Amino acid sequence: MFHGSCLCGAIGLTIDAPLKDPIACHCEQCRQQSGHYFSAVPAPKFALHVTGDTNLKWFRASDIASRGFCKVCGSTLFWRPDDGPTIMVASAALDTPTGLRLSGHYWCDHKGDYYAIPDALPRYQGDSK
């Protein structure tokens, strides 16, 4: 079981399922909303339980997904695709230690020109292999 919260604690989260390792997304939207690339953990939607959800605001970011954040402190918490059983949870929102390790970089062809990807993890030009 994993626990976490936003920066101010107004929103809490529990995930009662095993998690896969997080990914790093370098797409323009993720960089704009996070200030850098966005690290997120795929979690089953059914296993995510949120407290303080009256403080959770959803922004329709594209025609396929919404982004969830705390309306009190602004912490980015979720990327929720319209379809499928998975929601992406901000890695930094999870309490440590998680035992998880970054597994790869996505949308590398959209990364910012102000940084390099220094590790040897797999790199993908889009959202899939």
N, C-alpha and C. Protein backbone atom coordinates (compact mmCIF):
# COMPACT_ATOMS: atom_id res chain seq x y z
N MET A 1 0.85 -1.18 0.00
CA MET A 1 0.00 0.00 0.00
C MET A 1 0.89 1.24 0.00
N PHE A 2 0.49 2.21 -0.79
CA PHE A 2 1.24 3.45 -0.90
C PHE A 2 0.37 4.61 -0.42
N HIS A 3 1.00 5.59 0.22
CA HIS A 3 0.31 6.78 0.70
C HIS A 3 1.01 8.00 0.14
N GLY A 4 0.30 9.11 0.10
CA GLY A 4 0.90 10.35 -0.36
C GLY A 4 -0.03 11.51 -0.15
N SER A 5 0.41 12.68 -0.62
CA SER A 5 -0.40 13.89 -0.48
C SER A 5 0.15 14.99 -1.37
N CYS A 6 -0.60 16.07 -1.43
CA CYS A 6 -0.11 17.28 -2.08
C CYS A 6 0.83 18.00 -1.10
N LEU A 7 1.41 19.10 -1.51
CA LEU A 7 2.36 19.83 -0.68
C LEU A 7 1.75 20.32 0.62
N CYS A 8 0.52 20.84 0.57
CA CYS A 8 -0.09 21.40 1.78
C CYS A 8 -0.84 20.38 2.62
N GLY A 9 -1.05 19.18 2.09
CA GLY A 9 -1.75 18.13 2.83
C GLY A 9 -3.26 18.18 2.71
N ALA A 10 -3.80 19.11 1.93
CA ALA A 10 -5.25 19.20 1.77
C ALA A 10 -5.83 18.00 1.03
N ILE A 11 -5.00 17.36 0.20
CA ILE A 11 -5.41 16.16 -0.52
C ILE A 11 -4.49 15.02 -0.12
N GLY A 12 -5.09 13.92 0.29
CA GLY A 12 -4.32 12.71 0.60
C GLY A 12 -4.68 11.63 -0.40
N LEU A 13 -3.77 10.69 -0.56
CA LEU A 13 -4.07 9.59 -1.47
C LEU A 13 -3.50 8.29 -0.92
N THR A 14 -4.21 7.23 -1.23
CA THR A 14 -3.79 5.88 -0.90
C THR A 14 -3.97 5.03 -2.15
N ILE A 15 -2.99 4.21 -2.42
CA ILE A 15 -3.08 3.27 -3.54
C ILE A 15 -2.92 1.88 -2.95
N ASP A 16 -3.97 1.07 -3.03
CA ASP A 16 -3.92 -0.26 -2.43
C ASP A 16 -3.74 -1.35 -3.48
N ALA A 17 -2.66 -1.19 -4.23
CA ALA A 17 -2.28 -2.18 -5.25
C ALA A 17 -0.78 -2.05 -5.48
N PRO A 18 -0.15 -3.11 -5.96
CA PRO A 18 1.26 -2.99 -6.33
C PRO A 18 1.40 -1.97 -7.47
N LEU A 19 2.51 -1.27 -7.48
CA LEU A 19 2.75 -0.27 -8.52
C LEU A 19 3.91 -0.66 -9.41
N LYS A 20 3.81 -0.28 -10.67
CA LYS A 20 4.93 -0.41 -11.60
C LYS A 20 5.86 0.77 -11.36
N ASP A 21 7.08 0.66 -11.85
CA ASP A 21 8.04 1.75 -11.70
C ASP A 21 7.59 2.98 -12.48
N PRO A 22 7.96 4.17 -12.01
CA PRO A 22 7.55 5.40 -12.67
C PRO A 22 8.26 5.63 -14.00
N ILE A 23 7.65 6.50 -14.78
CA ILE A 23 8.23 6.93 -16.06
C ILE A 23 8.50 8.43 -15.96
N ALA A 24 9.32 8.93 -16.86
CA ALA A 24 9.57 10.36 -16.98
C ALA A 24 9.01 10.81 -18.32
N CYS A 25 8.08 11.76 -18.30
CA CYS A 25 7.50 12.28 -19.54
C CYS A 25 8.09 13.64 -19.84
N HIS A 26 8.62 13.78 -21.04
CA HIS A 26 9.28 15.02 -21.47
C HIS A 26 8.42 15.83 -22.45
N CYS A 27 7.14 15.51 -22.58
CA CYS A 27 6.29 16.25 -23.52
C CYS A 27 6.12 17.70 -23.05
N GLU A 28 5.72 18.55 -23.97
CA GLU A 28 5.60 19.97 -23.66
C GLU A 28 4.58 20.23 -22.55
N GLN A 29 3.43 19.56 -22.57
CA GLN A 29 2.43 19.78 -21.53
C GLN A 29 2.97 19.41 -20.15
N CYS A 30 3.63 18.27 -20.05
CA CYS A 30 4.18 17.86 -18.75
C CYS A 30 5.24 18.84 -18.26
N ARG A 31 6.08 19.31 -19.18
CA ARG A 31 7.10 20.28 -18.79
C ARG A 31 6.46 21.60 -18.35
N GLN A 32 5.42 22.03 -19.04
CA GLN A 32 4.77 23.29 -18.67
C GLN A 32 4.06 23.19 -17.32
N GLN A 33 3.42 22.07 -17.04
CA GLN A 33 2.68 21.97 -15.78
C GLN A 33 3.57 21.67 -14.59
N SER A 34 4.76 21.10 -14.82
CA SER A 34 5.61 20.73 -13.69
C SER A 34 6.86 21.59 -13.54
N GLY A 35 7.23 22.30 -14.59
CA GLY A 35 8.45 23.08 -14.55
C GLY A 35 9.66 22.34 -15.07
N HIS A 36 9.51 21.06 -15.33
CA HIS A 36 10.58 20.21 -15.87
C HIS A 36 9.88 18.96 -16.40
N TYR A 37 10.58 17.87 -16.60
CA TYR A 37 9.86 16.67 -17.00
C TYR A 37 9.03 16.18 -15.82
N PHE A 38 8.02 15.39 -16.11
CA PHE A 38 7.08 14.92 -15.10
C PHE A 38 7.29 13.44 -14.86
N SER A 39 7.56 13.07 -13.63
CA SER A 39 7.71 11.67 -13.26
C SER A 39 6.39 11.20 -12.66
N ALA A 40 5.87 10.10 -13.20
CA ALA A 40 4.57 9.61 -12.76
C ALA A 40 4.55 8.09 -12.70
N VAL A 41 3.73 7.60 -11.79
CA VAL A 41 3.58 6.16 -11.56
C VAL A 41 2.22 5.71 -12.09
N PRO A 42 2.18 4.69 -12.94
CA PRO A 42 0.89 4.18 -13.38
C PRO A 42 0.23 3.39 -12.24
N ALA A 43 -1.03 3.74 -11.96
CA ALA A 43 -1.76 3.05 -10.89
C ALA A 43 -3.14 2.65 -11.41
N PRO A 44 -3.65 1.52 -10.96
CA PRO A 44 -5.02 1.14 -11.36
C PRO A 44 -6.02 2.15 -10.79
N LYS A 45 -6.92 2.64 -11.61
CA LYS A 45 -7.90 3.63 -11.15
C LYS A 45 -8.70 3.11 -9.96
N PHE A 46 -9.04 1.82 -9.98
CA PHE A 46 -9.85 1.25 -8.90
C PHE A 46 -9.12 1.24 -7.56
N ALA A 47 -7.79 1.28 -7.58
CA ALA A 47 -6.99 1.17 -6.36
C ALA A 47 -6.65 2.52 -5.74
N LEU A 48 -6.98 3.61 -6.42
CA LEU A 48 -6.66 4.95 -5.92
C LEU A 48 -7.81 5.48 -5.08
N HIS A 49 -7.49 5.88 -3.86
CA HIS A 49 -8.48 6.46 -2.95
C HIS A 49 -7.98 7.84 -2.53
N VAL A 50 -8.82 8.85 -2.71
CA VAL A 50 -8.43 10.23 -2.47
C VAL A 50 -9.25 10.80 -1.32
N THR A 51 -8.58 11.49 -0.39
CA THR A 51 -9.27 12.24 0.66
C THR A 51 -9.07 13.72 0.36
N GLY A 52 -10.00 14.53 0.81
CA GLY A 52 -9.92 15.96 0.54
C GLY A 52 -10.20 16.29 -0.91
N ASP A 53 -11.01 15.44 -1.56
CA ASP A 53 -11.22 15.62 -3.00
C ASP A 53 -11.98 16.89 -3.35
N THR A 54 -12.55 17.59 -2.36
CA THR A 54 -13.15 18.89 -2.66
C THR A 54 -12.06 19.91 -3.00
N ASN A 55 -10.83 19.61 -2.66
CA ASN A 55 -9.69 20.48 -3.00
C ASN A 55 -9.01 20.07 -4.30
N LEU A 56 -9.52 19.03 -4.93
CA LEU A 56 -8.94 18.53 -6.18
C LEU A 56 -9.62 19.21 -7.36
N LYS A 57 -8.83 19.85 -8.20
CA LYS A 57 -9.33 20.53 -9.39
C LYS A 57 -8.80 19.80 -10.61
N TRP A 58 -9.67 19.62 -11.60
CA TRP A 58 -9.29 18.95 -12.84
C TRP A 58 -9.24 19.95 -13.97
N PHE A 59 -8.18 19.87 -14.76
CA PHE A 59 -7.99 20.71 -15.93
C PHE A 59 -8.00 19.83 -17.16
N ARG A 60 -8.85 20.15 -18.10
CA ARG A 60 -8.94 19.40 -19.35
C ARG A 60 -7.76 19.82 -20.22
N ALA A 61 -6.71 19.01 -20.23
CA ALA A 61 -5.46 19.37 -20.87
C ALA A 61 -5.42 19.06 -22.36
N SER A 62 -6.22 18.11 -22.79
CA SER A 62 -6.22 17.70 -24.19
C SER A 62 -7.53 16.99 -24.49
N ASP A 63 -7.65 16.48 -25.70
CA ASP A 63 -8.87 15.75 -26.03
C ASP A 63 -8.85 14.31 -25.55
N ILE A 64 -7.78 13.90 -24.85
CA ILE A 64 -7.69 12.52 -24.36
C ILE A 64 -7.49 12.39 -22.85
N ALA A 65 -7.23 13.52 -22.15
CA ALA A 65 -6.88 13.39 -20.73
C ALA A 65 -7.12 14.68 -19.96
N SER A 66 -7.17 14.52 -18.62
CA SER A 66 -7.28 15.65 -17.70
C SER A 66 -6.13 15.56 -16.70
N ARG A 67 -5.77 16.71 -16.16
CA ARG A 67 -4.72 16.79 -15.15
C ARG A 67 -5.33 17.27 -13.84
N GLY A 68 -5.01 16.57 -12.75
CA GLY A 68 -5.56 16.91 -11.46
C GLY A 68 -4.52 17.57 -10.57
N PHE A 69 -4.94 18.63 -9.88
CA PHE A 69 -4.03 19.35 -9.00
C PHE A 69 -4.78 19.88 -7.79
N CYS A 70 -4.04 20.22 -6.74
CA CYS A 70 -4.62 20.78 -5.53
C CYS A 70 -4.94 22.25 -5.78
N LYS A 71 -6.19 22.65 -5.52
CA LYS A 71 -6.55 24.04 -5.73
C LYS A 71 -6.09 24.94 -4.59
N VAL A 72 -5.54 24.35 -3.52
CA VAL A 72 -5.01 25.14 -2.41
C VAL A 72 -3.54 25.49 -2.66
N CYS A 73 -2.71 24.46 -2.89
CA CYS A 73 -1.27 24.70 -3.03
C CYS A 73 -0.76 24.59 -4.46
N GLY A 74 -1.58 24.07 -5.37
CA GLY A 74 -1.19 23.97 -6.77
C GLY A 74 -0.42 22.73 -7.15
N SER A 75 -0.17 21.83 -6.21
CA SER A 75 0.59 20.61 -6.52
C SER A 75 -0.08 19.79 -7.62
N THR A 76 0.70 19.42 -8.62
CA THR A 76 0.22 18.51 -9.65
C THR A 76 0.20 17.10 -9.07
N LEU A 77 -0.91 16.41 -9.22
CA LEU A 77 -1.05 15.08 -8.63
C LEU A 77 -1.34 13.98 -9.64
N PHE A 78 -2.14 14.26 -10.67
CA PHE A 78 -2.61 13.20 -11.54
C PHE A 78 -2.63 13.60 -13.01
N TRP A 79 -2.45 12.60 -13.84
CA TRP A 79 -2.76 12.68 -15.28
C TRP A 79 -3.72 11.53 -15.52
N ARG A 80 -4.96 11.86 -15.91
CA ARG A 80 -6.02 10.86 -16.03
C ARG A 80 -6.50 10.76 -17.47
N PRO A 81 -6.13 9.66 -18.16
CA PRO A 81 -6.66 9.47 -19.51
C PRO A 81 -8.15 9.14 -19.46
N ASP A 82 -8.86 9.53 -20.50
CA ASP A 82 -10.30 9.27 -20.55
C ASP A 82 -10.60 7.77 -20.60
N ASP A 83 -9.77 7.04 -21.31
CA ASP A 83 -10.00 5.61 -21.50
C ASP A 83 -8.95 4.80 -20.75
N GLY A 84 -9.30 3.59 -20.45
CA GLY A 84 -8.35 2.66 -19.84
C GLY A 84 -8.44 2.62 -18.34
N PRO A 85 -7.82 1.60 -17.75
CA PRO A 85 -7.93 1.35 -16.32
C PRO A 85 -6.87 2.04 -15.47
N THR A 86 -6.01 2.87 -16.09
CA THR A 86 -4.86 3.42 -15.38
C THR A 86 -4.94 4.93 -15.23
N ILE A 87 -4.45 5.42 -14.08
CA ILE A 87 -4.25 6.84 -13.85
C ILE A 87 -2.77 7.03 -13.50
N MET A 88 -2.19 8.12 -13.94
CA MET A 88 -0.79 8.39 -13.63
C MET A 88 -0.75 9.29 -12.39
N VAL A 89 0.01 8.87 -11.38
CA VAL A 89 0.13 9.59 -10.12
C VAL A 89 1.52 10.20 -10.05
N ALA A 90 1.60 11.46 -9.69
CA ALA A 90 2.90 12.13 -9.57
C ALA A 90 3.79 11.38 -8.59
N SER A 91 4.95 10.98 -9.05
CA SER A 91 5.88 10.22 -8.20
C SER A 91 6.22 10.98 -6.92
N ALA A 92 6.40 12.30 -7.04
CA ALA A 92 6.79 13.10 -5.89
C ALA A 92 5.69 13.23 -4.85
N ALA A 93 4.45 12.89 -5.20
CA ALA A 93 3.35 12.96 -4.24
C ALA A 93 3.35 11.77 -3.29
N LEU A 94 4.07 10.71 -3.64
CA LEU A 94 4.10 9.51 -2.80
C LEU A 94 5.07 9.66 -1.65
N ASP A 95 4.65 9.19 -0.47
CA ASP A 95 5.55 9.18 0.68
C ASP A 95 6.70 8.22 0.41
N THR A 96 7.88 8.59 0.88
CA THR A 96 9.05 7.73 0.70
C THR A 96 9.32 6.96 1.98
N PRO A 97 9.97 5.83 1.90
CA PRO A 97 10.51 5.20 0.70
C PRO A 97 9.42 4.46 -0.07
N THR A 98 9.53 4.45 -1.39
CA THR A 98 8.56 3.74 -2.23
C THR A 98 9.10 2.41 -2.74
N GLY A 99 10.42 2.32 -2.86
CA GLY A 99 11.03 1.13 -3.44
C GLY A 99 10.95 1.13 -4.96
N LEU A 100 10.43 2.20 -5.54
CA LEU A 100 10.28 2.29 -7.00
C LEU A 100 11.51 2.95 -7.61
N ARG A 101 11.75 2.66 -8.88
CA ARG A 101 12.88 3.25 -9.61
C ARG A 101 12.41 3.67 -10.99
N LEU A 102 12.88 4.82 -11.44
CA LEU A 102 12.52 5.31 -12.77
C LEU A 102 12.81 4.24 -13.81
N SER A 103 11.86 4.04 -14.74
CA SER A 103 12.00 2.94 -15.70
C SER A 103 12.30 3.38 -17.12
N GLY A 104 12.05 4.63 -17.45
CA GLY A 104 12.31 5.08 -18.82
C GLY A 104 11.85 6.49 -19.06
N HIS A 105 12.22 7.02 -20.21
CA HIS A 105 11.91 8.39 -20.62
C HIS A 105 11.02 8.36 -21.85
N TYR A 106 9.93 9.12 -21.82
CA TYR A 106 8.96 9.16 -22.91
C TYR A 106 8.88 10.56 -23.51
N TRP A 107 8.50 10.61 -24.78
CA TRP A 107 8.40 11.85 -25.54
C TRP A 107 9.73 12.60 -25.54
N CYS A 108 10.81 11.86 -25.68
CA CYS A 108 12.15 12.47 -25.68
C CYS A 108 12.34 13.44 -26.84
N ASP A 109 11.63 13.23 -27.93
CA ASP A 109 11.74 14.14 -29.06
C ASP A 109 11.10 15.50 -28.78
N HIS A 110 10.42 15.63 -27.65
CA HIS A 110 9.80 16.89 -27.24
C HIS A 110 10.48 17.51 -26.03
N LYS A 111 11.56 16.93 -25.57
CA LYS A 111 12.21 17.43 -24.35
C LYS A 111 12.71 18.85 -24.54
N GLY A 112 12.89 19.54 -23.43
CA GLY A 112 13.41 20.90 -23.49
C GLY A 112 14.86 20.92 -23.97
N ASP A 113 15.26 22.01 -24.58
CA ASP A 113 16.64 22.11 -25.06
C ASP A 113 17.61 22.55 -23.97
N TYR A 114 17.12 22.78 -22.78
CA TYR A 114 17.94 23.29 -21.69
C TYR A 114 18.49 22.20 -20.77
N TYR A 115 18.26 20.94 -21.10
CA TYR A 115 18.78 19.85 -20.27
C TYR A 115 19.09 18.63 -21.12
N ALA A 116 19.93 17.77 -20.55
CA ALA A 116 20.26 16.49 -21.17
C ALA A 116 19.62 15.38 -20.34
N ILE A 117 19.43 14.24 -20.95
CA ILE A 117 18.96 13.07 -20.21
C ILE A 117 20.22 12.25 -19.92
N PRO A 118 20.72 12.29 -18.69
CA PRO A 118 22.05 11.75 -18.41
C PRO A 118 22.12 10.24 -18.16
N ASP A 119 21.00 9.59 -17.92
CA ASP A 119 21.08 8.17 -17.57
C ASP A 119 20.94 7.29 -18.80
N ALA A 120 21.10 6.00 -18.59
CA ALA A 120 21.06 5.03 -19.70
C ALA A 120 19.72 4.29 -19.76
N LEU A 121 18.69 4.82 -19.14
CA LEU A 121 17.38 4.18 -19.18
C LEU A 121 16.81 4.23 -20.59
N PRO A 122 15.88 3.34 -20.91
CA PRO A 122 15.27 3.36 -22.25
C PRO A 122 14.64 4.72 -22.56
N ARG A 123 14.73 5.09 -23.84
CA ARG A 123 14.17 6.36 -24.31
C ARG A 123 13.23 6.09 -25.47
N TYR A 124 12.09 6.77 -25.44
CA TYR A 124 11.07 6.59 -26.47
C TYR A 124 10.69 7.94 -27.05
N GLN A 125 10.39 7.96 -28.34
CA GLN A 125 10.05 9.22 -29.01
C GLN A 125 8.60 9.63 -28.78
N GLY A 126 7.78 8.71 -28.38
CA GLY A 126 6.38 9.00 -28.09
C GLY A 126 6.01 8.41 -26.75
N ASP A 127 4.78 7.90 -26.67
CA ASP A 127 4.33 7.34 -25.40
C ASP A 127 4.41 5.82 -25.33
N SER A 128 4.96 5.20 -26.37
CA SER A 128 5.10 3.74 -26.33
C SER A 128 6.41 3.31 -26.97
N LYS A 129 6.73 2.05 -26.79
CA LYS A 129 8.02 1.52 -27.25
C LYS A 129 8.11 1.43 -28.75
